[in-house]
Amino acid sequence: MLFIKESQSLRFIRFNRAGEDLLGWPKETLIGKNDYDFWPKEQAEFFVEKDRETPESGSVVDIPEEPISNAPSRRSHPAYEKVPILDTAG
């Protein structure tokens, strides 16, 4: 799964087919939305914390398990690496 979020709002701006298949939603449902639009508050806060950690660290953030509790696909604990994509201003 590959997705890209805008760094300030953390809204999804790109989503690939593997992400659609894993989560069970078409990318059109995800683009322009953020984690709070899909996940319970506690889960969304976990995602946002890791999303904010990634550009702050300037390096890959490894997440051995990231719980997903209410996606239509019901997959529960995929592993992720979050990678910052930095421009010349950081």
N, C-alpha and C. Protein backbone atom coordinates (compact mmCIF):
# COMPACT_ATOMS: atom_id res chain seq x y z
N MET A 1 0.85 -1.17 0.00
CA MET A 1 0.00 0.00 0.00
C MET A 1 0.89 1.23 0.00
N LEU A 2 0.53 2.19 -0.80
CA LEU A 2 1.24 3.46 -0.84
C LEU A 2 0.22 4.58 -0.79
N PHE A 3 0.45 5.52 0.12
CA PHE A 3 -0.39 6.71 0.15
C PHE A 3 0.49 7.89 0.50
N ILE A 4 0.03 9.06 0.11
CA ILE A 4 0.73 10.31 0.41
C ILE A 4 -0.27 11.25 1.05
N LYS A 5 0.20 11.90 2.13
CA LYS A 5 -0.63 12.90 2.82
C LYS A 5 0.05 14.26 2.73
N GLU A 6 -0.76 15.30 2.66
CA GLU A 6 -0.27 16.66 2.70
C GLU A 6 0.24 16.91 4.12
N SER A 7 1.38 17.56 4.26
CA SER A 7 2.08 17.62 5.55
C SER A 7 1.39 18.46 6.62
N GLN A 8 0.64 19.46 6.27
CA GLN A 8 -0.01 20.29 7.29
C GLN A 8 -1.35 19.71 7.74
N SER A 9 -2.22 19.45 6.78
CA SER A 9 -3.57 18.96 7.12
C SER A 9 -3.62 17.46 7.31
N LEU A 10 -2.60 16.76 6.83
CA LEU A 10 -2.54 15.29 6.83
C LEU A 10 -3.72 14.67 6.08
N ARG A 11 -4.18 15.38 5.07
CA ARG A 11 -5.22 14.83 4.20
C ARG A 11 -4.55 13.98 3.12
N PHE A 12 -5.23 12.89 2.77
CA PHE A 12 -4.72 12.02 1.72
C PHE A 12 -4.74 12.77 0.39
N ILE A 13 -3.62 12.72 -0.35
CA ILE A 13 -3.59 13.34 -1.67
C ILE A 13 -3.29 12.32 -2.77
N ARG A 14 -2.77 11.17 -2.42
CA ARG A 14 -2.52 10.07 -3.36
C ARG A 14 -2.80 8.75 -2.63
N PHE A 15 -3.32 7.80 -3.39
CA PHE A 15 -3.62 6.49 -2.82
C PHE A 15 -3.55 5.47 -3.94
N ASN A 16 -2.83 4.37 -3.75
CA ASN A 16 -2.72 3.39 -4.83
C ASN A 16 -3.75 2.27 -4.69
N ARG A 17 -3.78 1.41 -5.71
CA ARG A 17 -4.75 0.31 -5.76
C ARG A 17 -4.59 -0.65 -4.58
N ALA A 18 -3.34 -0.93 -4.18
CA ALA A 18 -3.11 -1.83 -3.04
C ALA A 18 -3.75 -1.26 -1.77
N GLY A 19 -3.71 0.06 -1.61
CA GLY A 19 -4.36 0.70 -0.46
C GLY A 19 -5.87 0.56 -0.52
N GLU A 20 -6.41 0.71 -1.72
CA GLU A 20 -7.86 0.52 -1.89
C GLU A 20 -8.24 -0.91 -1.52
N ASP A 21 -7.44 -1.87 -1.99
CA ASP A 21 -7.73 -3.28 -1.72
C ASP A 21 -7.61 -3.60 -0.23
N LEU A 22 -6.56 -3.06 0.42
CA LEU A 22 -6.35 -3.34 1.84
C LEU A 22 -7.45 -2.75 2.69
N LEU A 23 -7.81 -1.50 2.42
CA LEU A 23 -8.80 -0.82 3.26
C LEU A 23 -10.24 -1.09 2.84
N GLY A 24 -10.42 -1.44 1.57
CA GLY A 24 -11.77 -1.72 1.11
C GLY A 24 -12.54 -0.50 0.65
N TRP A 25 -11.85 0.63 0.44
CA TRP A 25 -12.48 1.85 -0.06
C TRP A 25 -11.80 2.29 -1.34
N PRO A 26 -12.54 2.86 -2.28
CA PRO A 26 -11.90 3.41 -3.48
C PRO A 26 -11.14 4.69 -3.12
N LYS A 27 -10.09 5.00 -3.88
CA LYS A 27 -9.28 6.18 -3.56
C LYS A 27 -10.10 7.46 -3.58
N GLU A 28 -11.16 7.51 -4.38
CA GLU A 28 -12.01 8.70 -4.42
C GLU A 28 -12.66 8.97 -3.06
N THR A 29 -12.88 7.93 -2.28
CA THR A 29 -13.45 8.08 -0.94
C THR A 29 -12.41 8.65 0.02
N LEU A 30 -11.13 8.36 -0.22
CA LEU A 30 -10.06 8.74 0.69
C LEU A 30 -9.43 10.10 0.39
N ILE A 31 -9.29 10.44 -0.89
CA ILE A 31 -8.61 11.67 -1.29
C ILE A 31 -9.32 12.89 -0.69
N GLY A 32 -8.53 13.77 -0.07
CA GLY A 32 -9.06 14.99 0.52
C GLY A 32 -9.54 14.82 1.95
N LYS A 33 -9.52 13.60 2.45
CA LYS A 33 -9.98 13.33 3.82
C LYS A 33 -8.77 13.05 4.71
N ASN A 34 -9.00 13.07 6.02
CA ASN A 34 -7.93 12.72 6.95
C ASN A 34 -8.36 11.55 7.82
N ASP A 35 -7.49 11.13 8.71
CA ASP A 35 -7.76 9.94 9.52
C ASP A 35 -9.02 10.07 10.37
N TYR A 36 -9.33 11.27 10.85
CA TYR A 36 -10.51 11.46 11.69
C TYR A 36 -11.81 11.23 10.91
N ASP A 37 -11.74 11.28 9.59
CA ASP A 37 -12.92 11.02 8.76
C ASP A 37 -13.27 9.53 8.67
N PHE A 38 -12.32 8.65 9.06
CA PHE A 38 -12.52 7.22 8.88
C PHE A 38 -12.39 6.38 10.15
N TRP A 39 -11.58 6.81 11.08
CA TRP A 39 -11.23 5.96 12.21
C TRP A 39 -11.74 6.52 13.52
N PRO A 40 -11.94 5.68 14.51
CA PRO A 40 -12.29 6.17 15.85
C PRO A 40 -11.20 7.13 16.35
N LYS A 41 -11.56 8.06 17.23
CA LYS A 41 -10.65 9.12 17.67
C LYS A 41 -9.30 8.59 18.15
N GLU A 42 -9.29 7.59 19.00
CA GLU A 42 -8.04 7.06 19.55
C GLU A 42 -7.14 6.53 18.43
N GLN A 43 -7.72 5.83 17.51
CA GLN A 43 -6.96 5.27 16.40
C GLN A 43 -6.44 6.39 15.49
N ALA A 44 -7.29 7.37 15.18
CA ALA A 44 -6.86 8.50 14.34
C ALA A 44 -5.72 9.25 15.01
N GLU A 45 -5.78 9.43 16.32
CA GLU A 45 -4.71 10.12 17.04
C GLU A 45 -3.39 9.36 16.93
N PHE A 46 -3.43 8.03 16.98
CA PHE A 46 -2.23 7.22 16.80
C PHE A 46 -1.63 7.47 15.42
N PHE A 47 -2.48 7.45 14.39
CA PHE A 47 -2.01 7.68 13.02
C PHE A 47 -1.40 9.08 12.89
N VAL A 48 -2.07 10.08 13.43
CA VAL A 48 -1.60 11.46 13.33
C VAL A 48 -0.27 11.62 14.07
N GLU A 49 -0.14 11.01 15.23
CA GLU A 49 1.12 11.08 15.98
C GLU A 49 2.28 10.55 15.13
N LYS A 50 2.08 9.41 14.49
CA LYS A 50 3.12 8.82 13.65
C LYS A 50 3.36 9.66 12.39
N ASP A 51 2.29 10.22 11.83
CA ASP A 51 2.44 11.08 10.66
C ASP A 51 3.26 12.32 11.00
N ARG A 52 3.04 12.91 12.16
CA ARG A 52 3.79 14.11 12.58
C ARG A 52 5.24 13.75 12.91
N GLU A 53 5.46 12.58 13.47
CA GLU A 53 6.81 12.14 13.82
C GLU A 53 7.68 11.99 12.58
N THR A 54 7.10 11.58 11.48
CA THR A 54 7.87 11.28 10.27
C THR A 54 8.63 12.49 9.72
N PRO A 55 7.98 13.61 9.39
CA PRO A 55 8.77 14.74 8.88
C PRO A 55 9.65 15.38 9.94
N GLU A 56 9.21 15.33 11.20
CA GLU A 56 10.03 15.89 12.28
C GLU A 56 11.35 15.14 12.41
N SER A 57 11.31 13.83 12.23
CA SER A 57 12.53 13.03 12.35
C SER A 57 13.38 13.15 11.08
N GLY A 58 12.74 13.43 9.96
CA GLY A 58 13.46 13.52 8.69
C GLY A 58 13.93 12.17 8.18
N SER A 59 13.42 11.09 8.78
CA SER A 59 13.83 9.75 8.36
C SER A 59 12.63 8.81 8.40
N VAL A 60 12.87 7.59 7.98
CA VAL A 60 11.83 6.57 7.96
C VAL A 60 11.39 6.25 9.39
N VAL A 61 10.08 6.18 9.59
CA VAL A 61 9.51 5.76 10.87
C VAL A 61 8.93 4.37 10.65
N ASP A 62 9.48 3.40 11.34
CA ASP A 62 9.04 2.01 11.21
C ASP A 62 7.94 1.74 12.22
N ILE A 63 6.83 1.20 11.76
CA ILE A 63 5.71 0.86 12.63
C ILE A 63 5.43 -0.62 12.42
N PRO A 64 5.90 -1.47 13.36
CA PRO A 64 5.74 -2.92 13.18
C PRO A 64 4.28 -3.36 13.06
N GLU A 65 3.39 -2.68 13.77
CA GLU A 65 1.96 -2.97 13.67
C GLU A 65 1.20 -1.67 13.83
N GLU A 66 0.28 -1.42 12.92
CA GLU A 66 -0.58 -0.24 13.02
C GLU A 66 -2.01 -0.75 12.99
N PRO A 67 -2.72 -0.63 14.11
CA PRO A 67 -4.07 -1.21 14.17
C PRO A 67 -5.05 -0.48 13.26
N ILE A 68 -5.83 -1.25 12.54
CA ILE A 68 -6.92 -0.71 11.72
C ILE A 68 -8.17 -1.46 12.14
N SER A 69 -9.08 -0.75 12.80
CA SER A 69 -10.19 -1.46 13.42
C SER A 69 -11.50 -1.44 12.65
N ASN A 70 -11.70 -0.47 11.76
CA ASN A 70 -13.03 -0.44 11.15
C ASN A 70 -13.03 -0.28 9.64
N ALA A 71 -11.95 -0.66 8.99
CA ALA A 71 -11.96 -0.66 7.53
C ALA A 71 -12.90 -1.76 7.06
N PRO A 72 -13.57 -1.56 5.93
CA PRO A 72 -14.47 -2.60 5.44
C PRO A 72 -13.79 -3.96 5.26
N SER A 73 -12.48 -3.94 4.99
CA SER A 73 -11.77 -5.21 4.78
C SER A 73 -11.50 -5.95 6.08
N ARG A 74 -11.57 -5.23 7.21
CA ARG A 74 -11.37 -5.80 8.55
C ARG A 74 -9.97 -6.37 8.77
N ARG A 75 -8.99 -5.96 7.98
CA ARG A 75 -7.61 -6.36 8.26
C ARG A 75 -7.15 -5.58 9.47
N SER A 76 -6.42 -6.21 10.37
CA SER A 76 -6.25 -5.57 11.66
C SER A 76 -4.90 -4.97 11.99
N HIS A 77 -3.79 -5.56 11.61
CA HIS A 77 -2.50 -5.05 12.08
C HIS A 77 -1.40 -5.09 11.02
N PRO A 78 -1.55 -4.35 9.93
CA PRO A 78 -0.46 -4.34 8.94
C PRO A 78 0.74 -3.56 9.47
N ALA A 79 1.92 -3.88 8.98
CA ALA A 79 3.16 -3.16 9.32
C ALA A 79 3.38 -2.07 8.29
N TYR A 80 3.98 -0.96 8.71
CA TYR A 80 4.21 0.17 7.83
C TYR A 80 5.59 0.76 8.03
N GLU A 81 6.03 1.45 7.00
CA GLU A 81 7.14 2.39 7.10
C GLU A 81 6.61 3.70 6.56
N LYS A 82 6.73 4.74 7.35
CA LYS A 82 6.33 6.08 6.91
C LYS A 82 7.59 6.82 6.51
N VAL A 83 7.57 7.37 5.31
CA VAL A 83 8.76 7.99 4.73
C VAL A 83 8.46 9.45 4.44
N PRO A 84 9.25 10.39 4.97
CA PRO A 84 8.99 11.79 4.66
C PRO A 84 9.45 12.12 3.23
N ILE A 85 8.66 12.90 2.55
CA ILE A 85 9.04 13.42 1.23
C ILE A 85 9.23 14.92 1.45
N LEU A 86 10.49 15.34 1.50
CA LEU A 86 10.80 16.72 1.85
C LEU A 86 11.14 17.56 0.62
N ASP A 87 10.71 18.82 0.64
CA ASP A 87 11.12 19.73 -0.42
C ASP A 87 12.35 20.51 0.05
N THR A 88 12.81 21.47 -0.72
CA THR A 88 14.02 22.21 -0.36
C THR A 88 13.86 23.00 0.93
N ALA A 89 12.63 23.31 1.32
CA ALA A 89 12.39 24.03 2.57
C ALA A 89 12.19 23.08 3.75
N GLY A 90 12.27 21.80 3.49
CA GLY A 90 12.10 20.81 4.55
C GLY A 90 10.69 20.32 4.67
